[in-house]
Amino acid sequence: ECEVVMRNDFFLESVVDEFMHSANLAIFEIFCRIHTKIDSKMLSERVDLKGEDAEQWIVNLIQGAKLDAKIDSENDNVVMFQQYPEIYEQVIDRTKDLAFRSYQLANDVQQLHQKAEQQQN
């Protein structure tokens, strides 16, 4: 549906192919991060590719997205392995905005203190 709409839009017509490629990539990455075992045929239908083109596209995306996966050719599946972030990455993510939040908190407390002083005077 997106492709039809974009092809009929004067401003978006020139970026349809790039958009569709990016959309396929996003669908594949999200799908792979959600599921642990994916049927290759079903995946190739979702990204609108057939046969060896689909398999090569899947291999390139697994390598490009740095996903921990393997292709099971016998069962025609893509098997995804869980990727857990290391502990230092978790600490960095959780404390990313700590300095900004601390500044905001101190600023809010100072403003409350100033309002309280003004009301007393």
C-alpha atoms as a PDB file:
ATOM      1  CA  GLU A   1       0.000   0.000   0.000  1.00  0.00           C
ATOM      2  CA  CYS A   2       2.819   2.402   0.817  1.00  0.00           C
ATOM      3  CA  GLU A   3       4.433   1.840  -2.545  1.00  0.00           C
ATOM      4  CA  VAL A   4       1.216   2.655  -4.427  1.00  0.00           C
ATOM      5  CA  VAL A   5       0.664   5.830  -2.407  1.00  0.00           C
ATOM      6  CA  MET A   6       4.270   6.972  -2.828  1.00  0.00           C
ATOM      7  CA  ARG A   7       4.316   6.311  -6.585  1.00  0.00           C
ATOM      8  CA  ASN A   8       1.253   8.560  -6.941  1.00  0.00           C
ATOM      9  CA  ASP A   9       2.801  11.358  -4.851  1.00  0.00           C
ATOM     10  CA  PHE A  10       4.825  13.912  -6.813  1.00  0.00           C
ATOM     11  CA  PHE A  11       7.269  14.640  -3.987  1.00  0.00           C
ATOM     12  CA  LEU A  12       7.834  11.055  -2.852  1.00  0.00           C
ATOM     13  CA  GLU A  13       7.981   9.369  -6.250  1.00  0.00           C
ATOM     14  CA  SER A  14      11.770   9.690  -6.501  1.00  0.00           C
ATOM     15  CA  VAL A  15      12.469   7.891  -3.191  1.00  0.00           C
ATOM     16  CA  VAL A  16      10.065   4.939  -3.475  1.00  0.00           C
ATOM     17  CA  ASP A  17      12.736   2.285  -4.053  1.00  0.00           C
ATOM     18  CA  GLU A  18      14.930   3.533  -1.219  1.00  0.00           C
ATOM     19  CA  PHE A  19      11.914   3.695   1.106  1.00  0.00           C
ATOM     20  CA  MET A  20      10.812   0.155   0.224  1.00  0.00           C
ATOM     21  CA  HIS A  21      14.332  -1.181   0.806  1.00  0.00           C
ATOM     22  CA  SER A  22      14.522   0.551   4.187  1.00  0.00           C
ATOM     23  CA  ALA A  23      11.046  -0.681   5.110  1.00  0.00           C
ATOM     24  CA  ASN A  24      11.992  -4.273   4.247  1.00  0.00           C
ATOM     25  CA  LEU A  25      15.129  -3.923   6.333  1.00  0.00           C
ATOM     26  CA  ALA A  26      13.177  -2.558   9.308  1.00  0.00           C
ATOM     27  CA  ILE A  27      10.563  -5.327   9.052  1.00  0.00           C
ATOM     28  CA  PHE A  28      13.270  -7.972   8.917  1.00  0.00           C
ATOM     29  CA  GLU A  29      15.240  -6.616  11.883  1.00  0.00           C
ATOM     30  CA  ILE A  30      12.186  -6.208  14.100  1.00  0.00           C
ATOM     31  CA  PHE A  31      10.839  -9.610  13.119  1.00  0.00           C
ATOM     32  CA  CYS A  32      14.190 -11.260  13.870  1.00  0.00           C
ATOM     33  CA  ARG A  33      14.511  -9.568  17.246  1.00  0.00           C
ATOM     34  CA  ILE A  34      11.036 -10.742  18.275  1.00  0.00           C
ATOM     35  CA  HIS A  35      11.157 -14.357  17.072  1.00  0.00           C
ATOM     36  CA  THR A  36      13.726 -17.087  17.716  1.00  0.00           C
ATOM     37  CA  LYS A  37      12.846 -19.336  14.769  1.00  0.00           C
ATOM     38  CA  ILE A  38      11.652 -17.945  11.455  1.00  0.00           C
ATOM     39  CA  ASP A  39      10.468 -19.785   8.365  1.00  0.00           C
ATOM     40  CA  SER A  40      12.558 -18.596   5.402  1.00  0.00           C
ATOM     41  CA  LYS A  41       9.683 -18.912   2.931  1.00  0.00           C
ATOM     42  CA  MET A  42       7.345 -16.844   5.082  1.00  0.00           C
ATOM     43  CA  LEU A  43      10.040 -14.226   5.610  1.00  0.00           C
ATOM     44  CA  SER A  44      10.782 -14.022   1.885  1.00  0.00           C
ATOM     45  CA  GLU A  45       7.068 -13.485   1.207  1.00  0.00           C
ATOM     46  CA  ARG A  46       6.962 -10.640   3.747  1.00  0.00           C
ATOM     47  CA  VAL A  47       9.864  -8.837   2.095  1.00  0.00           C
ATOM     48  CA  ASP A  48       8.535  -9.703  -1.375  1.00  0.00           C
ATOM     49  CA  LEU A  49      11.537 -11.694  -2.675  1.00  0.00           C
ATOM     50  CA  LYS A  50      11.738 -15.205  -4.096  1.00  0.00           C
ATOM     51  CA  GLY A  51      14.139 -18.169  -3.964  1.00  0.00           C
ATOM     52  CA  GLU A  52      17.881 -17.604  -3.888  1.00  0.00           C
ATOM     53  CA  ASP A  53      17.455 -13.824  -3.993  1.00  0.00           C
ATOM     54  CA  ALA A  54      15.584 -13.992  -0.696  1.00  0.00           C
ATOM     55  CA  GLU A  55      18.189 -16.282   0.888  1.00  0.00           C
ATOM     56  CA  GLN A  56      21.060 -14.041  -0.198  1.00  0.00           C
ATOM     57  CA  TRP A  57      19.166 -10.973   1.021  1.00  0.00           C
ATOM     58  CA  ILE A  58      18.589 -12.643   4.414  1.00  0.00           C
ATOM     59  CA  VAL A  59      22.289 -13.569   4.711  1.00  0.00           C
ATOM     60  CA  ASN A  60      23.362 -10.009   3.870  1.00  0.00           C
ATOM     61  CA  LEU A  61      20.942  -8.538   6.392  1.00  0.00           C
ATOM     62  CA  ILE A  62      22.014 -10.897   9.160  1.00  0.00           C
ATOM     63  CA  GLN A  63      25.605  -9.850   8.577  1.00  0.00           C
ATOM     64  CA  GLY A  64      24.724  -6.167   8.140  1.00  0.00           C
ATOM     65  CA  ALA A  65      22.513  -5.977  11.235  1.00  0.00           C
ATOM     66  CA  LYS A  66      25.084  -7.959  13.243  1.00  0.00           C
ATOM     67  CA  LEU A  67      22.438 -10.408  14.377  1.00  0.00           C
ATOM     68  CA  ASP A  68      23.476 -13.657  16.019  1.00  0.00           C
ATOM     69  CA  ALA A  69      21.725 -16.136  13.723  1.00  0.00           C
ATOM     70  CA  LYS A  70      22.221 -19.152  11.514  1.00  0.00           C
ATOM     71  CA  ILE A  71      20.345 -20.431   8.504  1.00  0.00           C
ATOM     72  CA  ASP A  72      19.111 -24.012   8.775  1.00  0.00           C
ATOM     73  CA  SER A  73      18.926 -25.071   5.104  1.00  0.00           C
ATOM     74  CA  GLU A  74      17.519 -28.520   5.884  1.00  0.00           C
ATOM     75  CA  ASN A  75      14.418 -27.155   7.615  1.00  0.00           C
ATOM     76  CA  ASP A  76      14.398 -23.890   5.656  1.00  0.00           C
ATOM     77  CA  ASN A  77      14.519 -21.794   8.846  1.00  0.00           C
ATOM     78  CA  VAL A  78      16.468 -18.897  10.252  1.00  0.00           C
ATOM     79  CA  VAL A  79      17.370 -19.558  13.890  1.00  0.00           C
ATOM     80  CA  MET A  80      18.004 -16.485  16.026  1.00  0.00           C
ATOM     81  CA  PHE A  81      20.062 -16.520  19.222  1.00  0.00           C
ATOM     82  CA  GLN A  82      19.348 -14.155  22.102  1.00  0.00           C
ATOM     83  CA  GLN A  83      21.734 -11.249  22.509  1.00  0.00           C
ATOM     84  CA  TYR A  84      21.940  -9.962  26.047  1.00  0.00           C
ATOM     85  CA  PRO A  85      23.677  -6.640  26.633  1.00  0.00           C
ATOM     86  CA  GLU A  86      26.753  -6.779  28.797  1.00  0.00           C
ATOM     87  CA  ILE A  87      26.544  -5.354  32.295  1.00  0.00           C
ATOM     88  CA  TYR A  88      28.524  -2.200  31.492  1.00  0.00           C
ATOM     89  CA  GLU A  89      26.120  -1.416  28.633  1.00  0.00           C
ATOM     90  CA  GLN A  90      23.180  -1.759  31.022  1.00  0.00           C
ATOM     91  CA  VAL A  91      24.823   0.590  33.519  1.00  0.00           C
ATOM     92  CA  ILE A  92      25.572   3.166  30.819  1.00  0.00           C
ATOM     93  CA  ASP A  93      22.005   3.011  29.481  1.00  0.00           C
ATOM     94  CA  ARG A  94      20.468   3.446  32.909  1.00  0.00           C
ATOM     95  CA  THR A  95      22.695   6.359  33.904  1.00  0.00           C
ATOM     96  CA  LYS A  96      22.782   8.089  30.528  1.00  0.00           C
ATOM     97  CA  ASP A  97      20.749  11.133  31.533  1.00  0.00           C
ATOM     98  CA  LEU A  98      21.658  11.130  35.208  1.00  0.00           C
ATOM     99  CA  ALA A  99      23.593  14.414  35.105  1.00  0.00           C
ATOM    100  CA  PHE A 100      20.778  16.218  33.289  1.00  0.00           C
ATOM    101  CA  ARG A 101      18.102  14.837  35.616  1.00  0.00           C
ATOM    102  CA  SER A 102      20.190  15.810  38.662  1.00  0.00           C
ATOM    103  CA  TYR A 103      20.568  19.364  37.299  1.00  0.00           C
ATOM    104  CA  GLN A 104      16.819  19.583  36.664  1.00  0.00           C
ATOM    105  CA  LEU A 105      16.030  18.314  40.158  1.00  0.00           C
ATOM    106  CA  ALA A 106      18.427  20.811  41.799  1.00  0.00           C
ATOM    107  CA  ASN A 107      16.970  23.623  39.687  1.00  0.00           C
ATOM    108  CA  ASP A 108      13.391  22.659  40.652  1.00  0.00           C
ATOM    109  CA  VAL A 109      14.298  22.508  44.355  1.00  0.00           C
ATOM    110  CA  GLN A 110      15.978  25.928  44.134  1.00  0.00           C
ATOM    111  CA  GLN A 111      12.903  27.439  42.458  1.00  0.00           C
ATOM    112  CA  LEU A 112      10.620  25.976  45.132  1.00  0.00           C
ATOM    113  CA  HIS A 113      12.888  27.372  47.831  1.00  0.00           C
ATOM    114  CA  GLN A 114      12.840  30.839  46.218  1.00  0.00           C
ATOM    115  CA  LYS A 115       9.024  30.788  45.964  1.00  0.00           C
ATOM    116  CA  ALA A 116       8.747  29.774  49.616  1.00  0.00           C
ATOM    117  CA  GLU A 117      11.045  32.672  50.644  1.00  0.00           C
ATOM    118  CA  GLN A 118       9.055  35.154  48.564  1.00  0.00           C
ATOM    119  CA  GLN A 119       5.804  34.040  50.194  1.00  0.00           C
ATOM    120  CA  GLN A 120       7.309  34.510  53.664  1.00  0.00           C
ATOM    121  CA  ASN A 121       8.391  38.074  52.890  1.00  0.00           C
END
